[in-house]
Amino acid sequence: APTGSGFWHWAVFDLPADLRSLPAGAGSGDPTA
């Protein structure tokens, strides 16, 4: 991105350790996704 510092599109943490995948659309912002 032409910013000098890049551009963050998504950031998530505290995902459970046993999770192995996310479906398309998991980043919708819906808390249940």
PDB file of all heavy atoms in Angstrom:
ATOM      1  N   ALA A   1       0.847  -1.189   0.000  1.00  0.00           N
ATOM      2  CA  ALA A   1       0.000   0.000   0.000  1.00  0.00           C
ATOM      3  C   ALA A   1       0.886   1.244   0.000  1.00  0.00           C
ATOM      4  O   ALA A   1       1.926   1.260   0.665  1.00  0.00           O
ATOM      5  CB  ALA A   1      -0.914   0.000   1.222  1.00  0.00           C
ATOM      6  N   PRO A   2       0.498   2.276  -0.746  1.00  0.00           N
ATOM      7  CA  PRO A   2       1.346   3.468  -0.845  1.00  0.00           C
ATOM      8  C   PRO A   2       1.215   4.374   0.382  1.00  0.00           C
ATOM      9  O   PRO A   2       0.802   5.530   0.295  1.00  0.00           O
ATOM     10  CB  PRO A   2       0.842   4.144  -2.123  1.00  0.00           C
ATOM     11  CG  PRO A   2      -0.595   3.749  -2.208  1.00  0.00           C
ATOM     12  CD  PRO A   2      -0.660   2.364  -1.636  1.00  0.00           C
ATOM     13  N   THR A   3       1.559   3.812   1.547  1.00  0.00           N
ATOM     14  CA  THR A   3       1.442   4.557   2.800  1.00  0.00           C
ATOM     15  C   THR A   3       2.778   4.750   3.498  1.00  0.00           C
ATOM     16  O   THR A   3       2.875   5.573   4.402  1.00  0.00           O
ATOM     17  CB  THR A   3       0.524   3.811   3.785  1.00  0.00           C
ATOM     18  OG1 THR A   3       1.143   2.559   4.102  1.00  0.00           O
ATOM     19  CG2 THR A   3      -0.865   3.572   3.213  1.00  0.00           C
ATOM     20  N   GLY A   4       3.753   3.938   3.145  1.00  0.00           N
ATOM     21  CA  GLY A   4       5.016   3.933   3.870  1.00  0.00           C
ATOM     22  C   GLY A   4       4.993   2.984   5.052  1.00  0.00           C
ATOM     23  O   GLY A   4       6.026   2.660   5.618  1.00  0.00           O
ATOM     24  N   SER A   5       3.790   2.532   5.436  1.00  0.00           N
ATOM     25  CA  SER A   5       3.674   1.607   6.566  1.00  0.00           C
ATOM     26  C   SER A   5       2.753   0.439   6.259  1.00  0.00           C
ATOM     27  O   SER A   5       2.388  -0.312   7.156  1.00  0.00           O
ATOM     28  CB  SER A   5       3.168   2.358   7.802  1.00  0.00           C
ATOM     29  OG  SER A   5       1.894   2.916   7.548  1.00  0.00           O
ATOM     30  N   GLY A   6       2.350   0.258   5.011  1.00  0.00           N
ATOM     31  CA  GLY A   6       1.469  -0.837   4.650  1.00  0.00           C
ATOM     32  C   GLY A   6       0.031  -0.572   5.052  1.00  0.00           C
ATOM     33  O   GLY A   6      -0.333   0.553   5.426  1.00  0.00           O
ATOM     34  N   PHE A   7      -0.795  -1.618   4.961  1.00  0.00           N
ATOM     35  CA  PHE A   7      -2.227  -1.489   5.241  1.00  0.00           C
ATOM     36  C   PHE A   7      -2.724  -2.800   5.831  1.00  0.00           C
ATOM     37  O   PHE A   7      -2.570  -3.862   5.230  1.00  0.00           O
ATOM     38  CB  PHE A   7      -2.971  -1.184   3.935  1.00  0.00           C
ATOM     39  CG  PHE A   7      -4.379  -0.711   4.113  1.00  0.00           C
ATOM     40  CD1 PHE A   7      -4.671   0.643   4.130  1.00  0.00           C
ATOM     41  CD2 PHE A   7      -5.415  -1.618   4.250  1.00  0.00           C
ATOM     42  CE1 PHE A   7      -5.972   1.090   4.279  1.00  0.00           C
ATOM     43  CE2 PHE A   7      -6.724  -1.184   4.405  1.00  0.00           C
ATOM     44  CZ  PHE A   7      -7.003   0.169   4.414  1.00  0.00           C
ATOM     45  N   TRP A   8      -3.303  -2.741   7.029  1.00  0.00           N
ATOM     46  CA  TRP A   8      -3.849  -3.914   7.701  1.00  0.00           C
ATOM     47  C   TRP A   8      -5.305  -4.097   7.305  1.00  0.00           C
ATOM     48  O   TRP A   8      -6.115  -3.182   7.455  1.00  0.00           O
ATOM     49  CB  TRP A   8      -3.753  -3.764   9.218  1.00  0.00           C
ATOM     50  CG  TRP A   8      -2.342  -3.769   9.711  1.00  0.00           C
ATOM     51  CD1 TRP A   8      -1.549  -2.686   9.976  1.00  0.00           C
ATOM     52  CD2 TRP A   8      -1.542  -4.917   9.992  1.00  0.00           C
ATOM     53  NE1 TRP A   8      -0.314  -3.097  10.398  1.00  0.00           N
ATOM     54  CE2 TRP A   8      -0.284  -4.469  10.416  1.00  0.00           C
ATOM     55  CE3 TRP A   8      -1.769  -6.291   9.913  1.00  0.00           C
ATOM     56  CZ2 TRP A   8       0.741  -5.340  10.781  1.00  0.00           C
ATOM     57  CZ3 TRP A   8      -0.753  -7.152  10.272  1.00  0.00           C
ATOM     58  CH2 TRP A   8       0.476  -6.674  10.703  1.00  0.00           C
ATOM     59  N   HIS A   9      -5.653  -5.297   6.827  1.00  0.00           N
ATOM     60  CA  HIS A   9      -7.007  -5.594   6.376  1.00  0.00           C
ATOM     61  C   HIS A   9      -7.826  -6.366   7.407  1.00  0.00           C
ATOM     62  O   HIS A   9      -9.054  -6.321   7.373  1.00  0.00           O
ATOM     63  CB  HIS A   9      -6.954  -6.401   5.073  1.00  0.00           C
ATOM     64  CG  HIS A   9      -6.540  -5.563   3.910  1.00  0.00           C
ATOM     65  ND1 HIS A   9      -7.439  -5.085   2.991  1.00  0.00           N
ATOM     66  CD2 HIS A   9      -5.337  -5.085   3.528  1.00  0.00           C
ATOM     67  CE1 HIS A   9      -6.810  -4.361   2.087  1.00  0.00           C
ATOM     68  NE2 HIS A   9      -5.517  -4.343   2.401  1.00  0.00           N
ATOM     69  N   TRP A  10      -7.134  -7.095   8.305  1.00  0.00           N
ATOM     70  CA  TRP A  10      -7.855  -7.910   9.287  1.00  0.00           C
ATOM     71  C   TRP A  10      -6.875  -8.360  10.346  1.00  0.00           C
ATOM     72  O   TRP A  10      -5.710  -8.657  10.040  1.00  0.00           O
ATOM     73  CB  TRP A  10      -8.448  -9.123   8.590  1.00  0.00           C
ATOM     74  CG  TRP A  10      -9.462  -9.937   9.326  1.00  0.00           C
ATOM     75  CD1 TRP A  10     -10.284  -9.551  10.341  1.00  0.00           C
ATOM     76  CD2 TRP A  10      -9.784 -11.310   9.064  1.00  0.00           C
ATOM     77  NE1 TRP A  10     -11.096 -10.586  10.728  1.00  0.00           N
ATOM     78  CE2 TRP A  10     -10.817 -11.682   9.951  1.00  0.00           C
ATOM     79  CE3 TRP A  10      -9.305 -12.259   8.165  1.00  0.00           C
ATOM     80  CZ2 TRP A  10     -11.371 -12.954   9.976  1.00  0.00           C
ATOM     81  CZ3 TRP A  10      -9.859 -13.530   8.180  1.00  0.00           C
ATOM     82  CH2 TRP A  10     -10.883 -13.868   9.075  1.00  0.00           C
ATOM     83  N   ALA A  11      -7.323  -8.414  11.592  1.00  0.00           N
ATOM     84  CA  ALA A  11      -6.480  -8.893  12.687  1.00  0.00           C
ATOM     85  C   ALA A  11      -7.378  -9.484  13.783  1.00  0.00           C
ATOM     86  O   ALA A  11      -8.273  -8.798  14.282  1.00  0.00           O
ATOM     87  CB  ALA A  11      -5.629  -7.768  13.256  1.00  0.00           C
ATOM     88  N   VAL A  12      -7.110 -10.758  14.113  1.00  0.00           N
ATOM     89  CA  VAL A  12      -7.901 -11.483  15.108  1.00  0.00           C
ATOM     90  C   VAL A  12      -6.946 -12.218  16.045  1.00  0.00           C
ATOM     91  O   VAL A  12      -5.954 -12.789  15.586  1.00  0.00           O
ATOM     92  CB  VAL A  12      -8.823 -12.527  14.434  1.00  0.00           C
ATOM     93  CG1 VAL A  12      -9.683 -13.240  15.467  1.00  0.00           C
ATOM     94  CG2 VAL A  12      -9.695 -11.888  13.368  1.00  0.00           C
ATOM     95  N   PHE A  13      -7.250 -12.213  17.334  1.00  0.00           N
ATOM     96  CA  PHE A  13      -6.448 -12.990  18.278  1.00  0.00           C
ATOM     97  C   PHE A  13      -7.353 -13.686  19.282  1.00  0.00           C
ATOM     98  O   PHE A  13      -8.572 -13.509  19.253  1.00  0.00           O
ATOM     99  CB  PHE A  13      -5.382 -12.121  18.966  1.00  0.00           C
ATOM    100  CG  PHE A  13      -5.900 -11.057  19.882  1.00  0.00           C
ATOM    101  CD1 PHE A  13      -5.952 -11.260  21.252  1.00  0.00           C
ATOM    102  CD2 PHE A  13      -6.297  -9.821  19.392  1.00  0.00           C
ATOM    103  CE1 PHE A  13      -6.405 -10.268  22.118  1.00  0.00           C
ATOM    104  CE2 PHE A  13      -6.744  -8.821  20.238  1.00  0.00           C
ATOM    105  CZ  PHE A  13      -6.799  -9.049  21.608  1.00  0.00           C
ATOM    106  N   ASP A  14      -6.752 -14.485  20.129  1.00  0.00           N
ATOM    107  CA  ASP A  14      -7.470 -15.319  21.102  1.00  0.00           C
ATOM    108  C   ASP A  14      -8.381 -16.337  20.414  1.00  0.00           C
ATOM    109  O   ASP A  14      -9.415 -16.734  20.961  1.00  0.00           O
ATOM    110  CB  ASP A  14      -8.254 -14.478  22.113  1.00  0.00           C
ATOM    111  CG  ASP A  14      -7.356 -13.798  23.134  1.00  0.00           C
ATOM    112  OD1 ASP A  14      -6.124 -14.010  23.101  1.00  0.00           O
ATOM    113  OD2 ASP A  14      -7.879 -13.031  23.960  1.00  0.00           O
ATOM    114  N   LEU A  15      -7.982 -16.775  19.212  1.00  0.00           N
ATOM    115  CA  LEU A  15      -8.677 -17.894  18.572  1.00  0.00           C
ATOM    116  C   LEU A  15      -8.285 -19.161  19.327  1.00  0.00           C
ATOM    117  O   LEU A  15      -7.144 -19.286  19.777  1.00  0.00           O
ATOM    118  CB  LEU A  15      -8.254 -18.013  17.103  1.00  0.00           C
ATOM    119  CG  LEU A  15      -8.741 -16.905  16.171  1.00  0.00           C
ATOM    120  CD1 LEU A  15      -7.918 -16.877  14.889  1.00  0.00           C
ATOM    121  CD2 LEU A  15     -10.222 -17.090  15.863  1.00  0.00           C
ATOM    122  N   PRO A  16      -9.194 -20.131  19.472  1.00  0.00           N
ATOM    123  CA  PRO A  16      -8.864 -21.335  20.234  1.00  0.00           C
ATOM    124  C   PRO A  16      -7.752 -22.162  19.591  1.00  0.00           C
ATOM    125  O   PRO A  16      -7.655 -22.250  18.365  1.00  0.00           O
ATOM    126  CB  PRO A  16     -10.176 -22.120  20.263  1.00  0.00           C
ATOM    127  CG  PRO A  16     -11.132 -21.407  19.403  1.00  0.00           C
ATOM    128  CD  PRO A  16     -10.560 -20.108  18.998  1.00  0.00           C
ATOM    129  N   ALA A  17      -6.933 -22.768  20.414  1.00  0.00           N
ATOM    130  CA  ALA A  17      -5.771 -23.534  19.962  1.00  0.00           C
ATOM    131  C   ALA A  17      -6.144 -24.742  19.122  1.00  0.00           C
ATOM    132  O   ALA A  17      -5.357 -25.187  18.290  1.00  0.00           O
ATOM    133  CB  ALA A  17      -4.939 -23.981  21.162  1.00  0.00           C
ATOM    134  N   ASP A  18      -7.351 -25.286  19.301  1.00  0.00           N
ATOM    135  CA  ASP A  18      -7.742 -26.471  18.539  1.00  0.00           C
ATOM    136  C   ASP A  18      -8.421 -26.149  17.209  1.00  0.00           C
ATOM    137  O   ASP A  18      -8.771 -27.042  16.449  1.00  0.00           O
ATOM    138  CB  ASP A  18      -8.620 -27.398  19.387  1.00  0.00           C
ATOM    139  CG  ASP A  18      -9.920 -26.745  19.831  1.00  0.00           C
ATOM    140  OD1 ASP A  18     -10.121 -25.526  19.604  1.00  0.00           O
ATOM    141  OD2 ASP A  18     -10.766 -27.465  20.411  1.00  0.00           O
ATOM    142  N   LEU A  19      -8.570 -24.892  16.896  1.00  0.00           N
ATOM    143  CA  LEU A  19      -9.168 -24.479  15.622  1.00  0.00           C
ATOM    144  C   LEU A  19      -8.193 -24.779  14.481  1.00  0.00           C
ATOM    145  O   LEU A  19      -6.994 -24.520  14.608  1.00  0.00           O
ATOM    146  CB  LEU A  19      -9.470 -22.972  15.683  1.00  0.00           C
ATOM    147  CG  LEU A  19     -10.256 -22.362  14.535  1.00  0.00           C
ATOM    148  CD1 LEU A  19     -11.696 -22.878  14.543  1.00  0.00           C
ATOM    149  CD2 LEU A  19     -10.251 -20.844  14.665  1.00  0.00           C
ATOM    150  N   ARG A  20      -8.665 -25.342  13.365  1.00  0.00           N
ATOM    151  CA  ARG A  20      -7.789 -25.663  12.231  1.00  0.00           C
ATOM    152  C   ARG A  20      -8.242 -25.028  10.927  1.00  0.00           C
ATOM    153  O   ARG A  20      -7.593 -25.170   9.906  1.00  0.00           O
ATOM    154  CB  ARG A  20      -7.682 -27.177  12.021  1.00  0.00           C
ATOM    155  CG  ARG A  20      -6.938 -27.885  13.116  1.00  0.00           C
ATOM    156  CD  ARG A  20      -5.476 -27.441  13.228  1.00  0.00           C
ATOM    157  NE  ARG A  20      -4.865 -27.984  14.421  1.00  0.00           N
ATOM    158  CZ  ARG A  20      -4.880 -27.388  15.615  1.00  0.00           C
ATOM    159  NH1 ARG A  20      -5.441 -26.201  15.770  1.00  0.00           N
ATOM    160  NH2 ARG A  20      -4.309 -27.948  16.660  1.00  0.00           N
ATOM    161  N   SER A  21      -9.385 -24.313  10.944  1.00  0.00           N
ATOM    162  CA  SER A  21      -9.833 -23.653   9.719  1.00  0.00           C
ATOM    163  C   SER A  21     -10.889 -22.599  10.040  1.00  0.00           C
ATOM    164  O   SER A  21     -11.486 -22.617  11.124  1.00  0.00           O
ATOM    165  CB  SER A  21     -10.407 -24.670   8.734  1.00  0.00           C
ATOM    166  OG  SER A  21     -11.594 -25.236   9.225  1.00  0.00           O
ATOM    167  N   LEU A  22     -11.051 -21.713   9.079  1.00  0.00           N
ATOM    168  CA  LEU A  22     -12.124 -20.719   9.121  1.00  0.00           C
ATOM    169  C   LEU A  22     -12.826 -20.745   7.768  1.00  0.00           C
ATOM    170  O   LEU A  22     -12.158 -20.788   6.728  1.00  0.00           O
ATOM    171  CB  LEU A  22     -11.567 -19.315   9.381  1.00  0.00           C
ATOM    172  CG  LEU A  22     -11.026 -19.037  10.778  1.00  0.00           C
ATOM    173  CD1 LEU A  22     -10.315 -17.695  10.817  1.00  0.00           C
ATOM    174  CD2 LEU A  22     -12.167 -19.066  11.802  1.00  0.00           C
ATOM    175  N   PRO A  23     -14.144 -20.696   7.764  1.00  0.00           N
ATOM    176  CA  PRO A  23     -14.852 -20.685   6.487  1.00  0.00           C
ATOM    177  C   PRO A  23     -14.756 -19.316   5.816  1.00  0.00           C
ATOM    178  O   PRO A  23     -14.460 -18.311   6.472  1.00  0.00           O
ATOM    179  CB  PRO A  23     -16.296 -20.989   6.887  1.00  0.00           C
ATOM    180  CG  PRO A  23     -16.419 -20.430   8.271  1.00  0.00           C
ATOM    181  CD  PRO A  23     -15.058 -20.656   8.908  1.00  0.00           C
ATOM    182  N   ALA A  24     -15.013 -19.280   4.530  1.00  0.00           N
ATOM    183  CA  ALA A  24     -15.113 -17.990   3.835  1.00  0.00           C
ATOM    184  C   ALA A  24     -16.166 -17.152   4.549  1.00  0.00           C
ATOM    185  O   ALA A  24     -17.188 -17.671   4.993  1.00  0.00           O
ATOM    186  CB  ALA A  24     -15.494 -18.210   2.374  1.00  0.00           C
ATOM    187  N   GLY A  25     -15.891 -15.884   4.705  1.00  0.00           N
ATOM    188  CA  GLY A  25     -16.833 -14.981   5.366  1.00  0.00           C
ATOM    189  C   GLY A  25     -16.681 -14.881   6.866  1.00  0.00           C
ATOM    190  O   GLY A  25     -17.415 -14.126   7.509  1.00  0.00           O
ATOM    191  N   ALA A  26     -15.725 -15.612   7.453  1.00  0.00           N
ATOM    192  CA  ALA A  26     -15.548 -15.566   8.912  1.00  0.00           C
ATOM    193  C   ALA A  26     -15.175 -14.168   9.392  1.00  0.00           C
ATOM    194  O   ALA A  26     -15.388 -13.835  10.554  1.00  0.00           O
ATOM    195  CB  ALA A  26     -14.491 -16.568   9.364  1.00  0.00           C
ATOM    196  N   GLY A  27     -14.644 -13.336   8.512  1.00  0.00           N
ATOM    197  CA  GLY A  27     -14.251 -11.980   8.883  1.00  0.00           C
ATOM    198  C   GLY A  27     -15.332 -10.945   8.669  1.00  0.00           C
ATOM    199  O   GLY A  27     -15.060  -9.750   8.576  1.00  0.00           O
ATOM    200  N   SER A  28     -16.584 -11.366   8.626  1.00  0.00           N
ATOM    201  CA  SER A  28     -17.705 -10.472   8.325  1.00  0.00           C
ATOM    202  C   SER A  28     -17.956  -9.397   9.381  1.00  0.00           C
ATOM    203  O   SER A  28     -18.631  -8.409   9.113  1.00  0.00           O
ATOM    204  CB  SER A  28     -18.989 -11.291   8.158  1.00  0.00           C
ATOM    205  OG  SER A  28     -19.354 -11.875   9.407  1.00  0.00           O
ATOM    206  N   GLY A  29     -17.439  -9.604  10.568  1.00  0.00           N
ATOM    207  CA  GLY A  29     -17.734  -8.683  11.664  1.00  0.00           C
ATOM    208  C   GLY A  29     -18.888  -9.172  12.524  1.00  0.00           C
ATOM    209  O   GLY A  29     -19.131  -8.641  13.605  1.00  0.00           O
ATOM    210  N   ASP A  30     -19.621 -10.183  12.066  1.00  0.00           N
ATOM    211  CA  ASP A  30     -20.682 -10.804  12.859  1.00  0.00           C
ATOM    212  C   ASP A  30     -20.012 -11.568  13.997  1.00  0.00           C
ATOM    213  O   ASP A  30     -19.183 -12.444  13.747  1.00  0.00           O
ATOM    214  CB  ASP A  30     -21.480 -11.757  11.968  1.00  0.00           C
ATOM    215  CG  ASP A  30     -22.575 -12.515  12.710  1.00  0.00           C
ATOM    216  OD1 ASP A  30     -22.600 -12.522  13.963  1.00  0.00           O
ATOM    217  OD2 ASP A  30     -23.418 -13.110  12.017  1.00  0.00           O
ATOM    218  N   PRO A  31     -20.342 -11.243  15.241  1.00  0.00           N
ATOM    219  CA  PRO A  31     -19.675 -11.893  16.375  1.00  0.00           C
ATOM    220  C   PRO A  31     -19.812 -13.417  16.389  1.00  0.00           C
ATOM    221  O   PRO A  31     -18.986 -14.111  16.978  1.00  0.00           O
ATOM    222  CB  PRO A  31     -20.343 -11.283  17.611  1.00  0.00           C
ATOM    223  CG  PRO A  31     -21.111 -10.116  17.142  1.00  0.00           C
ATOM    224  CD  PRO A  31     -21.315 -10.253  15.669  1.00  0.00           C
ATOM    225  N   THR A  32     -20.831 -13.966  15.732  1.00  0.00           N
ATOM    226  CA  THR A  32     -21.016 -15.415  15.721  1.00  0.00           C
ATOM    227  C   THR A  32     -20.209 -16.096  14.604  1.00  0.00           C
ATOM    228  O   THR A  32     -20.177 -17.323  14.541  1.00  0.00           O
ATOM    229  CB  THR A  32     -22.504 -15.776  15.563  1.00  0.00           C
ATOM    230  OG1 THR A  32     -22.971 -15.310  14.288  1.00  0.00           O
ATOM    231  CG2 THR A  32     -23.339 -15.157  16.674  1.00  0.00           C
ATOM    232  N   ALA A  33     -19.551 -15.319  13.743  1.00  0.00           N
ATOM    233  CA  ALA A  33     -18.787 -15.897  12.630  1.00  0.00           C
ATOM    234  C   ALA A  33     -17.442 -16.466  13.087  1.00  0.00           C
ATOM    235  O   ALA A  33     -16.845 -17.273  12.382  1.00  0.00           O
ATOM    236  CB  ALA A  33     -18.574 -14.849  11.542  1.00  0.00           C
TER     237      ALA A  33
END
